[in-house]
Full PDB file with SEQRES, HELIX, SHEET, SSBOND, CRYST1, ORIGX, SCALE, CONECT and MASTER records, all heavy atoms in Angstrom:
SEQRES   1 A   36  ARG PHE TYR THR VAL PHE GLY LEU PHE ARG LEU ALA GLY          
SEQRES   2 A   36  ILE LEU GLN GLN ILE TYR ALA ARG PHE PHE GLN GLY GLN          
SEQRES   3 A   36  THR GLN ASP LYS ARG PHE ALA GLY PHE GLY                      
HELIX    1 AA1 PHE A    2  PHE A   23  1                                  22    
HELIX    2 AA2 LYS A   30  PHE A   32  5                                   3    
CRYST1    1.000    1.000    1.000  90.00  90.00  90.00 P 1           1          
ORIGX1      1.000000  0.000000  0.000000        0.00000                         
ORIGX2      0.000000  1.000000  0.000000        0.00000                         
ORIGX3      0.000000  0.000000  1.000000        0.00000                         
SCALE1      1.000000  0.000000  0.000000        0.00000                         
SCALE2      0.000000  1.000000  0.000000        0.00000                         
SCALE3      0.000000  0.000000  1.000000        0.00000                         
ATOM      1  N   ARG A   1       0.817  -1.193  -0.007  1.00  0.00           N  
ATOM      2  CA  ARG A   1      -0.034  -0.018   0.021  1.00  0.00           C  
ATOM      3  C   ARG A   1       0.847   1.260  -0.035  1.00  0.00           C  
ATOM      4  O   ARG A   1       0.598   2.239  -0.768  1.00  0.00           O  
ATOM      5  CB  ARG A   1      -0.967   0.026   1.226  1.00  0.00           C  
ATOM      6  CG  ARG A   1      -1.881   1.229   1.142  1.00  0.00           C  
ATOM      7  CD  ARG A   1      -3.041   1.130   2.123  1.00  0.00           C  
ATOM      8  NE  ARG A   1      -2.587   1.137   3.517  1.00  0.00           N  
ATOM      9  CZ  ARG A   1      -3.264   1.812   4.492  1.00  0.00           C  
ATOM     10  NH1 ARG A   1      -4.388   2.457   4.162  1.00  0.00           N  
ATOM     11  NH2 ARG A   1      -2.884   1.786   5.695  1.00  0.00           N  
ATOM     12  N   PHE A   2       1.855   1.363   0.840  1.00  0.00           N  
ATOM     13  CA  PHE A   2       2.716   2.566   0.898  1.00  0.00           C  
ATOM     14  C   PHE A   2       3.344   2.814  -0.448  1.00  0.00           C  
ATOM     15  O   PHE A   2       3.305   3.974  -0.948  1.00  0.00           O  
ATOM     16  CB  PHE A   2       3.803   2.378   1.933  1.00  0.00           C  
ATOM     17  CG  PHE A   2       4.782   3.528   1.904  1.00  0.00           C  
ATOM     18  CD1 PHE A   2       4.538   4.662   2.738  1.00  0.00           C  
ATOM     19  CD2 PHE A   2       5.953   3.535   1.151  1.00  0.00           C  
ATOM     20  CE1 PHE A   2       5.454   5.756   2.696  1.00  0.00           C  
ATOM     21  CE2 PHE A   2       6.841   4.564   1.095  1.00  0.00           C  
ATOM     22  CZ  PHE A   2       6.591   5.682   1.858  1.00  0.00           C  
ATOM     23  N   TYR A   3       3.888   1.783  -1.106  1.00  0.00           N  
ATOM     24  CA  TYR A   3       4.549   1.970  -2.415  1.00  0.00           C  
ATOM     25  C   TYR A   3       3.553   2.412  -3.494  1.00  0.00           C  
ATOM     26  O   TYR A   3       3.877   3.192  -4.388  1.00  0.00           O  
ATOM     27  CB  TYR A   3       5.261   0.748  -2.812  1.00  0.00           C  
ATOM     28  CG  TYR A   3       6.238   0.187  -1.721  1.00  0.00           C  
ATOM     29  CD1 TYR A   3       5.889  -0.886  -0.963  1.00  0.00           C  
ATOM     30  CD2 TYR A   3       7.427   0.853  -1.487  1.00  0.00           C  
ATOM     31  CE1 TYR A   3       6.717  -1.346   0.053  1.00  0.00           C  
ATOM     32  CE2 TYR A   3       8.328   0.383  -0.466  1.00  0.00           C  
ATOM     33  CZ  TYR A   3       7.891  -0.700   0.290  1.00  0.00           C  
ATOM     34  OH  TYR A   3       8.719  -1.125   1.311  1.00  0.00           O  
ATOM     35  N   THR A   4       2.316   1.871  -3.424  1.00  0.00           N  
ATOM     36  CA  THR A   4       1.284   2.284  -4.369  1.00  0.00           C  
ATOM     37  C   THR A   4       0.985   3.788  -4.243  1.00  0.00           C  
ATOM     38  O   THR A   4       0.913   4.481  -5.240  1.00  0.00           O  
ATOM     39  CB  THR A   4       0.029   1.440  -4.149  1.00  0.00           C  
ATOM     40  OG1 THR A   4       0.329   0.078  -4.436  1.00  0.00           O  
ATOM     41  CG2 THR A   4      -1.064   1.895  -5.045  1.00  0.00           C  
ATOM     42  N   VAL A   5       0.738   4.202  -2.954  1.00  0.00           N  
ATOM     43  CA  VAL A   5       0.413   5.585  -2.707  1.00  0.00           C  
ATOM     44  C   VAL A   5       1.559   6.476  -3.093  1.00  0.00           C  
ATOM     45  O   VAL A   5       1.398   7.549  -3.752  1.00  0.00           O  
ATOM     46  CB  VAL A   5       0.082   5.833  -1.251  1.00  0.00           C  
ATOM     47  CG1 VAL A   5      -0.161   7.309  -0.941  1.00  0.00           C  
ATOM     48  CG2 VAL A   5      -1.220   5.077  -0.896  1.00  0.00           C  
ATOM     49  N   PHE A   6       2.762   6.086  -2.782  1.00  0.00           N  
ATOM     50  CA  PHE A   6       3.935   6.889  -3.198  1.00  0.00           C  
ATOM     51  C   PHE A   6       4.054   7.034  -4.673  1.00  0.00           C  
ATOM     52  O   PHE A   6       4.351   8.111  -5.210  1.00  0.00           O  
ATOM     53  CB  PHE A   6       5.242   6.393  -2.636  1.00  0.00           C  
ATOM     54  CG  PHE A   6       6.450   7.159  -3.102  1.00  0.00           C  
ATOM     55  CD1 PHE A   6       6.737   8.416  -2.560  1.00  0.00           C  
ATOM     56  CD2 PHE A   6       7.191   6.707  -4.173  1.00  0.00           C  
ATOM     57  CE1 PHE A   6       7.773   9.215  -3.106  1.00  0.00           C  
ATOM     58  CE2 PHE A   6       8.253   7.474  -4.684  1.00  0.00           C  
ATOM     59  CZ  PHE A   6       8.534   8.690  -4.133  1.00  0.00           C  
ATOM     60  N   GLY A   7       3.880   5.961  -5.393  1.00  0.00           N  
ATOM     61  CA  GLY A   7       3.964   6.023  -6.870  1.00  0.00           C  
ATOM     62  C   GLY A   7       2.952   6.966  -7.433  1.00  0.00           C  
ATOM     63  O   GLY A   7       3.291   7.781  -8.352  1.00  0.00           O  
ATOM     64  N   LEU A   8       1.675   6.975  -6.946  1.00  0.00           N  
ATOM     65  CA  LEU A   8       0.698   7.911  -7.385  1.00  0.00           C  
ATOM     66  C   LEU A   8       1.052   9.352  -7.015  1.00  0.00           C  
ATOM     67  O   LEU A   8       0.865  10.315  -7.825  1.00  0.00           O  
ATOM     68  CB  LEU A   8      -0.707   7.544  -6.790  1.00  0.00           C  
ATOM     69  CG  LEU A   8      -1.240   6.160  -7.195  1.00  0.00           C  
ATOM     70  CD1 LEU A   8      -2.476   5.841  -6.355  1.00  0.00           C  
ATOM     71  CD2 LEU A   8      -1.513   6.081  -8.691  1.00  0.00           C  
ATOM     72  N   PHE A   9       1.549   9.548  -5.843  1.00  0.00           N  
ATOM     73  CA  PHE A   9       1.954  10.806  -5.291  1.00  0.00           C  
ATOM     74  C   PHE A   9       3.088  11.433  -6.197  1.00  0.00           C  
ATOM     75  O   PHE A   9       3.044  12.591  -6.566  1.00  0.00           O  
ATOM     76  CB  PHE A   9       2.428  10.616  -3.826  1.00  0.00           C  
ATOM     77  CG  PHE A   9       2.919  11.865  -3.154  1.00  0.00           C  
ATOM     78  CD1 PHE A   9       1.999  12.825  -2.689  1.00  0.00           C  
ATOM     79  CD2 PHE A   9       4.270  12.002  -2.778  1.00  0.00           C  
ATOM     80  CE1 PHE A   9       2.407  13.943  -1.997  1.00  0.00           C  
ATOM     81  CE2 PHE A   9       4.703  13.115  -2.045  1.00  0.00           C  
ATOM     82  CZ  PHE A   9       3.773  14.097  -1.705  1.00  0.00           C  
ATOM     83  N   ARG A  10       4.066  10.604  -6.471  1.00  0.00           N  
ATOM     84  CA  ARG A  10       5.215  11.017  -7.297  1.00  0.00           C  
ATOM     85  C   ARG A  10       4.769  11.322  -8.729  1.00  0.00           C  
ATOM     86  O   ARG A  10       5.177  12.328  -9.291  1.00  0.00           O  
ATOM     87  CB  ARG A  10       6.286   9.923  -7.299  1.00  0.00           C  
ATOM     88  CG  ARG A  10       7.486  10.219  -8.216  1.00  0.00           C  
ATOM     89  CD  ARG A  10       8.388   9.057  -8.197  1.00  0.00           C  
ATOM     90  NE  ARG A  10       9.558   9.183  -9.084  1.00  0.00           N  
ATOM     91  CZ  ARG A  10       9.516   8.882 -10.357  1.00  0.00           C  
ATOM     92  NH1 ARG A  10       8.383   8.425 -10.889  1.00  0.00           N  
ATOM     93  NH2 ARG A  10      10.580   9.036 -11.119  1.00  0.00           N  
ATOM     94  N   LEU A  11       3.959  10.489  -9.323  1.00  0.00           N  
ATOM     95  CA  LEU A  11       3.385  10.774 -10.656  1.00  0.00           C  
ATOM     96  C   LEU A  11       2.630  12.114 -10.641  1.00  0.00           C  
ATOM     97  O   LEU A  11       2.796  12.920 -11.583  1.00  0.00           O  
ATOM     98  CB  LEU A  11       2.489   9.637 -11.080  1.00  0.00           C  
ATOM     99  CG  LEU A  11       1.798   9.857 -12.457  1.00  0.00           C  
ATOM    100  CD1 LEU A  11       2.802  10.072 -13.575  1.00  0.00           C  
ATOM    101  CD2 LEU A  11       0.938   8.649 -12.803  1.00  0.00           C  
ATOM    102  N   ALA A  12       1.848  12.354  -9.579  1.00  0.00           N  
ATOM    103  CA  ALA A  12       1.141  13.625  -9.541  1.00  0.00           C  
ATOM    104  C   ALA A  12       2.130  14.791  -9.520  1.00  0.00           C  
ATOM    105  O   ALA A  12       1.946  15.798 -10.155  1.00  0.00           O  
ATOM    106  CB  ALA A  12       0.254  13.667  -8.285  1.00  0.00           C  
ATOM    107  N   GLY A  13       3.270  14.619  -8.784  1.00  0.00           N  
ATOM    108  CA  GLY A  13       4.291  15.654  -8.749  1.00  0.00           C  
ATOM    109  C   GLY A  13       4.925  15.907 -10.075  1.00  0.00           C  
ATOM    110  O   GLY A  13       5.095  17.037 -10.500  1.00  0.00           O  
ATOM    111  N   ILE A  14       5.221  14.838 -10.837  1.00  0.00           N  
ATOM    112  CA  ILE A  14       5.750  14.965 -12.135  1.00  0.00           C  
ATOM    113  C   ILE A  14       4.817  15.684 -13.061  1.00  0.00           C  
ATOM    114  O   ILE A  14       5.178  16.657 -13.797  1.00  0.00           O  
ATOM    115  CB  ILE A  14       6.119  13.578 -12.748  1.00  0.00           C  
ATOM    116  CG1 ILE A  14       7.314  12.995 -11.935  1.00  0.00           C  
ATOM    117  CG2 ILE A  14       6.449  13.720 -14.231  1.00  0.00           C  
ATOM    118  CD1 ILE A  14       7.575  11.546 -12.335  1.00  0.00           C  
ATOM    119  N   LEU A  15       3.557  15.284 -13.082  1.00  0.00           N  
ATOM    120  CA  LEU A  15       2.604  15.892 -14.017  1.00  0.00           C  
ATOM    121  C   LEU A  15       2.271  17.314 -13.588  1.00  0.00           C  
ATOM    122  O   LEU A  15       2.096  18.213 -14.463  1.00  0.00           O  
ATOM    123  CB  LEU A  15       1.264  15.039 -14.010  1.00  0.00           C  
ATOM    124  CG  LEU A  15       1.398  13.644 -14.536  1.00  0.00           C  
ATOM    125  CD1 LEU A  15       0.050  12.959 -14.529  1.00  0.00           C  
ATOM    126  CD2 LEU A  15       1.959  13.624 -15.942  1.00  0.00           C  
ATOM    127  N   GLN A  16       2.199  17.586 -12.325  1.00  0.00           N  
ATOM    128  CA  GLN A  16       1.893  18.944 -11.853  1.00  0.00           C  
ATOM    129  C   GLN A  16       2.990  19.878 -12.169  1.00  0.00           C  
ATOM    130  O   GLN A  16       2.745  21.040 -12.515  1.00  0.00           O  
ATOM    131  CB  GLN A  16       1.639  18.966 -10.336  1.00  0.00           C  
ATOM    132  CG  GLN A  16       1.216  20.308  -9.792  1.00  0.00           C  
ATOM    133  CD  GLN A  16      -0.047  20.894 -10.428  1.00  0.00           C  
ATOM    134  OE1 GLN A  16      -0.912  20.147 -10.942  1.00  0.00           O  
ATOM    135  NE2 GLN A  16      -0.165  22.211 -10.450  1.00  0.00           N  
ATOM    136  N   GLN A  17       4.294  19.459 -12.091  1.00  0.00           N  
ATOM    137  CA  GLN A  17       5.323  20.333 -12.464  1.00  0.00           C  
ATOM    138  C   GLN A  17       5.255  20.722 -13.981  1.00  0.00           C  
ATOM    139  O   GLN A  17       5.506  21.895 -14.373  1.00  0.00           O  
ATOM    140  CB  GLN A  17       6.707  19.692 -12.232  1.00  0.00           C  
ATOM    141  CG  GLN A  17       7.060  19.633 -10.759  1.00  0.00           C  
ATOM    142  CD  GLN A  17       8.419  18.928 -10.496  1.00  0.00           C  
ATOM    143  OE1 GLN A  17       9.107  19.183  -9.534  1.00  0.00           O  
ATOM    144  NE2 GLN A  17       8.819  18.029 -11.370  1.00  0.00           N  
ATOM    145  N   ILE A  18       4.871  19.746 -14.779  1.00  0.00           N  
ATOM    146  CA  ILE A  18       4.671  20.047 -16.226  1.00  0.00           C  
ATOM    147  C   ILE A  18       3.471  20.882 -16.468  1.00  0.00           C  
ATOM    148  O   ILE A  18       3.498  21.891 -17.230  1.00  0.00           O  
ATOM    149  CB  ILE A  18       4.549  18.703 -17.031  1.00  0.00           C  
ATOM    150  CG1 ILE A  18       5.805  17.843 -16.883  1.00  0.00           C  
ATOM    151  CG2 ILE A  18       4.207  18.976 -18.513  1.00  0.00           C  
ATOM    152  CD1 ILE A  18       5.704  16.433 -17.400  1.00  0.00           C  
ATOM    153  N   TYR A  19       2.377  20.554 -15.741  1.00  0.00           N  
ATOM    154  CA  TYR A  19       1.182  21.328 -15.884  1.00  0.00           C  
ATOM    155  C   TYR A  19       1.298  22.790 -15.470  1.00  0.00           C  
ATOM    156  O   TYR A  19       0.833  23.711 -16.109  1.00  0.00           O  
ATOM    157  CB  TYR A  19      -0.003  20.711 -15.133  1.00  0.00           C  
ATOM    158  CG  TYR A  19      -1.294  21.503 -15.209  1.00  0.00           C  
ATOM    159  CD1 TYR A  19      -1.927  21.633 -16.434  1.00  0.00           C  
ATOM    160  CD2 TYR A  19      -1.767  22.137 -14.082  1.00  0.00           C  
ATOM    161  CE1 TYR A  19      -3.160  22.385 -16.498  1.00  0.00           C  
ATOM    162  CE2 TYR A  19      -2.954  22.838 -14.164  1.00  0.00           C  
ATOM    163  CZ  TYR A  19      -3.617  22.966 -15.354  1.00  0.00           C  
ATOM    164  OH  TYR A  19      -4.792  23.725 -15.438  1.00  0.00           O  
ATOM    165  N   ALA A  20       2.118  22.996 -14.431  1.00  0.00           N  
ATOM    166  CA  ALA A  20       2.360  24.364 -13.967  1.00  0.00           C  
ATOM    167  C   ALA A  20       3.036  25.190 -15.026  1.00  0.00           C  
ATOM    168  O   ALA A  20       2.733  26.392 -15.150  1.00  0.00           O  
ATOM    169  CB  ALA A  20       3.210  24.308 -12.660  1.00  0.00           C  
ATOM    170  N   ARG A  21       3.969  24.631 -15.805  1.00  0.00           N  
ATOM    171  CA  ARG A  21       4.596  25.334 -16.821  1.00  0.00           C  
ATOM    172  C   ARG A  21       3.619  25.675 -17.918  1.00  0.00           C  
ATOM    173  O   ARG A  21       3.638  26.819 -18.455  1.00  0.00           O  
ATOM    174  CB  ARG A  21       5.779  24.514 -17.459  1.00  0.00           C  
ATOM    175  CG  ARG A  21       6.901  24.273 -16.507  1.00  0.00           C  
ATOM    176  CD  ARG A  21       7.980  23.372 -17.067  1.00  0.00           C  
ATOM    177  NE  ARG A  21       8.509  23.827 -18.307  1.00  0.00           N  
ATOM    178  CZ  ARG A  21       8.526  23.145 -19.511  1.00  0.00           C  
ATOM    179  NH1 ARG A  21       7.957  21.927 -19.506  1.00  0.00           N  
ATOM    180  NH2 ARG A  21       8.958  23.684 -20.582  1.00  0.00           N  
ATOM    181  N   PHE A  22       2.648  24.818 -18.214  1.00  0.00           N  
ATOM    182  CA  PHE A  22       1.613  25.108 -19.191  1.00  0.00           C  
ATOM    183  C   PHE A  22       0.663  26.175 -18.619  1.00  0.00           C  
ATOM    184  O   PHE A  22       0.292  27.134 -19.342  1.00  0.00           O  
ATOM    185  CB  PHE A  22       0.836  23.849 -19.499  1.00  0.00           C  
ATOM    186  CG  PHE A  22      -0.299  24.071 -20.481  1.00  0.00           C  
ATOM    187  CD1 PHE A  22      -0.069  24.061 -21.824  1.00  0.00           C  
ATOM    188  CD2 PHE A  22      -1.581  24.269 -20.024  1.00  0.00           C  
ATOM    189  CE1 PHE A  22      -1.085  24.266 -22.738  1.00  0.00           C  
ATOM    190  CE2 PHE A  22      -2.653  24.498 -20.931  1.00  0.00           C  
ATOM    191  CZ  PHE A  22      -2.400  24.488 -22.293  1.00  0.00           C  
ATOM    192  N   PHE A  23       0.246  26.010 -17.394  1.00  0.00           N  
ATOM    193  CA  PHE A  23      -0.673  26.985 -16.762  1.00  0.00           C  
ATOM    194  C   PHE A  23      -0.112  28.409 -16.739  1.00  0.00           C  
ATOM    195  O   PHE A  23      -0.828  29.380 -16.927  1.00  0.00           O  
ATOM    196  CB  PHE A  23      -0.935  26.495 -15.292  1.00  0.00           C  
ATOM    197  CG  PHE A  23      -1.972  27.303 -14.564  1.00  0.00           C  
ATOM    198  CD1 PHE A  23      -3.307  26.960 -14.654  1.00  0.00           C  
ATOM    199  CD2 PHE A  23      -1.581  28.355 -13.742  1.00  0.00           C  
ATOM    200  CE1 PHE A  23      -4.290  27.696 -13.962  1.00  0.00           C  
ATOM    201  CE2 PHE A  23      -2.558  29.090 -13.082  1.00  0.00           C  
ATOM    202  CZ  PHE A  23      -3.896  28.752 -13.173  1.00  0.00           C  
ATOM    203  N   GLN A  24       1.234  28.533 -16.582  1.00  0.00           N  
ATOM    204  CA  GLN A  24       1.880  29.803 -16.544  1.00  0.00           C  
ATOM    205  C   GLN A  24       2.330  30.285 -17.837  1.00  0.00           C  
ATOM    206  O   GLN A  24       2.965  31.335 -17.996  1.00  0.00           O  
ATOM    207  CB  GLN A  24       3.105  29.701 -15.570  1.00  0.00           C  
ATOM    208  CG  GLN A  24       2.633  29.437 -14.125  1.00  0.00           C  
ATOM    209  CD  GLN A  24       3.738  28.866 -13.254  1.00  0.00           C  
ATOM    210  OE1 GLN A  24       4.914  28.787 -13.727  1.00  0.00           O  
ATOM    211  NE2 GLN A  24       3.454  28.459 -12.040  1.00  0.00           N  
ATOM    212  N   GLY A  25       2.057  29.590 -18.945  1.00  0.00           N  
ATOM    213  CA  GLY A  25       2.341  30.047 -20.278  1.00  0.00           C  
ATOM    214  C   GLY A  25       3.800  29.839 -20.693  1.00  0.00           C  
ATOM    215  O   GLY A  25       4.201  30.402 -21.703  1.00  0.00           O  
ATOM    216  N   GLN A  26       4.485  28.993 -19.981  1.00  0.00           N  
ATOM    217  CA  GLN A  26       5.920  28.739 -20.281  1.00  0.00           C  
ATOM    218  C   GLN A  26       6.082  27.703 -21.401  1.00  0.00           C  
ATOM    219  O   GLN A  26       7.170  27.528 -21.896  1.00  0.00           O  
ATOM    220  CB  GLN A  26       6.697  28.319 -19.020  1.00  0.00           C  
ATOM    221  CG  GLN A  26       6.726  29.380 -17.963  1.00  0.00           C  
ATOM    222  CD  GLN A  26       7.199  28.893 -16.610  1.00  0.00           C  
ATOM    223  OE1 GLN A  26       7.473  27.693 -16.449  1.00  0.00           O  
ATOM    224  NE2 GLN A  26       7.291  29.792 -15.685  1.00  0.00           N  
ATOM    225  N   THR A  27       5.049  26.941 -21.717  1.00  0.00           N  
ATOM    226  CA  THR A  27       5.008  26.037 -22.807  1.00  0.00           C  
ATOM    227  C   THR A  27       3.627  26.081 -23.441  1.00  0.00           C  
ATOM    228  O   THR A  27       2.653  26.280 -22.758  1.00  0.00           O  
ATOM    229  CB  THR A  27       5.387  24.590 -22.392  1.00  0.00           C  
ATOM    230  OG1 THR A  27       5.244  23.725 -23.553  1.00  0.00           O  
ATOM    231  CG2 THR A  27       4.492  24.073 -21.301  1.00  0.00           C  
ATOM    232  N   GLN A  28       3.633  25.890 -24.758  1.00  0.00           N  
ATOM    233  CA  GLN A  28       2.323  25.887 -25.477  1.00  0.00           C  
ATOM    234  C   GLN A  28       1.808  24.519 -25.893  1.00  0.00           C  
ATOM    235  O   GLN A  28       0.841  24.390 -26.586  1.00  0.00           O  
ATOM    236  CB  GLN A  28       2.482  26.809 -26.768  1.00  0.00           C  
ATOM    237  CG  GLN A  28       2.991  28.190 -26.508  1.00  0.00           C  
ATOM    238  CD  GLN A  28       2.134  28.991 -25.553  1.00  0.00           C  
ATOM    239  OE1 GLN A  28       0.897  28.980 -25.661  1.00  0.00           O  
ATOM    240  NE2 GLN A  28       2.756  29.698 -24.590  1.00  0.00           N  
ATOM    241  N   ASP A  29       2.535  23.484 -25.434  1.00  0.00           N  
ATOM    242  CA  ASP A  29       2.251  22.135 -25.833  1.00  0.00           C  
ATOM    243  C   ASP A  29       0.866  21.709 -25.296  1.00  0.00           C  
ATOM    244  O   ASP A  29       0.684  21.550 -24.135  1.00  0.00           O  
ATOM    245  CB  ASP A  29       3.319  21.201 -25.303  1.00  0.00           C  
ATOM    246  CG  ASP A  29       3.275  19.790 -25.954  1.00  0.00           C  
ATOM    247  OD1 ASP A  29       2.165  19.342 -26.290  1.00  0.00           O  
ATOM    248  OD2 ASP A  29       4.289  19.146 -26.120  1.00  0.00           O  
ATOM    249  N   LYS A  30      -0.105  21.569 -26.233  1.00  0.00           N  
ATOM    250  CA  LYS A  30      -1.429  21.308 -25.840  1.00  0.00           C  
ATOM    251  C   LYS A  30      -1.627  19.972 -25.197  1.00  0.00           C  
ATOM    252  O   LYS A  30      -2.676  19.670 -24.614  1.00  0.00           O  
ATOM    253  CB  LYS A  30      -2.374  21.462 -27.066  1.00  0.00           C  
ATOM    254  CG  LYS A  30      -2.511  22.901 -27.497  1.00  0.00           C  
ATOM    255  CD  LYS A  30      -3.466  22.996 -28.619  1.00  0.00           C  
ATOM    256  CE  LYS A  30      -3.798  24.455 -29.031  1.00  0.00           C  
ATOM    257  NZ  LYS A  30      -2.576  25.250 -29.233  1.00  0.00           N  
ATOM    258  N   ARG A  31      -0.658  19.089 -25.334  1.00  0.00           N  
ATOM    259  CA  ARG A  31      -0.748  17.734 -24.632  1.00  0.00           C  
ATOM    260  C   ARG A  31      -0.879  17.912 -23.148  1.00  0.00           C  
ATOM    261  O   ARG A  31      -1.333  17.089 -22.460  1.00  0.00           O  
ATOM    262  CB  ARG A  31       0.451  16.892 -24.938  1.00  0.00           C  
ATOM    263  CG  ARG A  31       0.648  16.484 -26.400  1.00  0.00           C  
ATOM    264  CD  ARG A  31       1.891  15.656 -26.536  1.00  0.00           C  
ATOM    265  NE  ARG A  31       3.084  16.398 -26.111  1.00  0.00           N  
ATOM    266  CZ  ARG A  31       4.252  15.836 -25.730  1.00  0.00           C  
ATOM    267  NH1 ARG A  31       4.380  14.500 -25.711  1.00  0.00           N  
ATOM    268  NH2 ARG A  31       5.305  16.581 -25.408  1.00  0.00           N  
ATOM    269  N   PHE A  32      -0.373  19.009 -22.627  1.00  0.00           N  
ATOM    270  CA  PHE A  32      -0.298  19.208 -21.149  1.00  0.00           C  
ATOM    271  C   PHE A  32      -1.536  19.865 -20.597  1.00  0.00           C  
ATOM    272  O   PHE A  32      -1.687  20.015 -19.366  1.00  0.00           O  
ATOM    273  CB  PHE A  32       0.910  20.049 -20.787  1.00  0.00           C  
ATOM    274  CG  PHE A  32       2.194  19.494 -21.358  1.00  0.00           C  
ATOM    275  CD1 PHE A  32       3.251  20.374 -21.658  1.00  0.00           C  
ATOM    276  CD2 PHE A  32       2.387  18.144 -21.634  1.00  0.00           C  
ATOM    277  CE1 PHE A  32       4.460  19.932 -22.203  1.00  0.00           C  
ATOM    278  CE2 PHE A  32       3.579  17.685 -22.126  1.00  0.00           C  
ATOM    279  CZ  PHE A  32       4.585  18.597 -22.418  1.00  0.00           C  
ATOM    280  N   ALA A  33      -2.521  20.274 -21.447  1.00  0.00           N  
ATOM    281  CA  ALA A  33      -3.640  21.080 -21.026  1.00  0.00           C  
ATOM    282  C   ALA A  33      -4.490  20.300 -20.001  1.00  0.00           C  
ATOM    283  O   ALA A  33      -5.116  20.876 -19.087  1.00  0.00           O  
ATOM    284  CB  ALA A  33      -4.457  21.567 -22.214  1.00  0.00           C  
ATOM    285  N   GLY A  34      -4.618  18.959 -20.154  1.00  0.00           N  
ATOM    286  CA  GLY A  34      -5.481  18.177 -19.304  1.00  0.00           C  
ATOM    287  C   GLY A  34      -4.788  17.563 -18.065  1.00  0.00           C  
ATOM    288  O   GLY A  34      -5.391  16.826 -17.358  1.00  0.00           O  
ATOM    289  N   PHE A  35      -3.492  17.854 -17.906  1.00  0.00           N  
ATOM    290  CA  PHE A  35      -2.763  17.305 -16.822  1.00  0.00           C  
ATOM    291  C   PHE A  35      -3.315  17.635 -15.442  1.00  0.00           C  
ATOM    292  O   PHE A  35      -3.229  16.884 -14.514  1.00  0.00           O  
ATOM    293  CB  PHE A  35      -1.298  17.635 -16.877  1.00  0.00           C  
ATOM    294  CG  PHE A  35      -0.507  16.802 -17.862  1.00  0.00           C  
ATOM    295  CD1 PHE A  35      -1.125  16.049 -18.795  1.00  0.00           C  
ATOM    296  CD2 PHE A  35       0.877  16.786 -17.799  1.00  0.00           C  
ATOM    297  CE1 PHE A  35      -0.397  15.244 -19.704  1.00  0.00           C  
ATOM    298  CE2 PHE A  35       1.642  15.981 -18.705  1.00  0.00           C  
ATOM    299  CZ  PHE A  35       0.967  15.265 -19.629  1.00  0.00           C  
ATOM    300  N   GLY A  36      -3.928  18.833 -15.334  1.00  0.00           N  
ATOM    301  CA  GLY A  36      -4.513  19.230 -14.053  1.00  0.00           C  
ATOM    302  C   GLY A  36      -5.638  18.316 -13.610  1.00  0.00           C  
ATOM    303  O   GLY A  36      -5.734  18.005 -12.417  1.00  0.00           O  
TER     304      GLY A  36                                                      
MASTER        0    0    0    2    0    0    0    6  303    1    0    3          
END                                                                             
């Protein structure tokens, strides 16, 4: 269970870092629009 939760938590961190760049207009790649 711990490793499952951590994996999801870490994936959320990876996607959120990418999404934040899209949200702030630092990238225009439309693939990232739904990451939030």
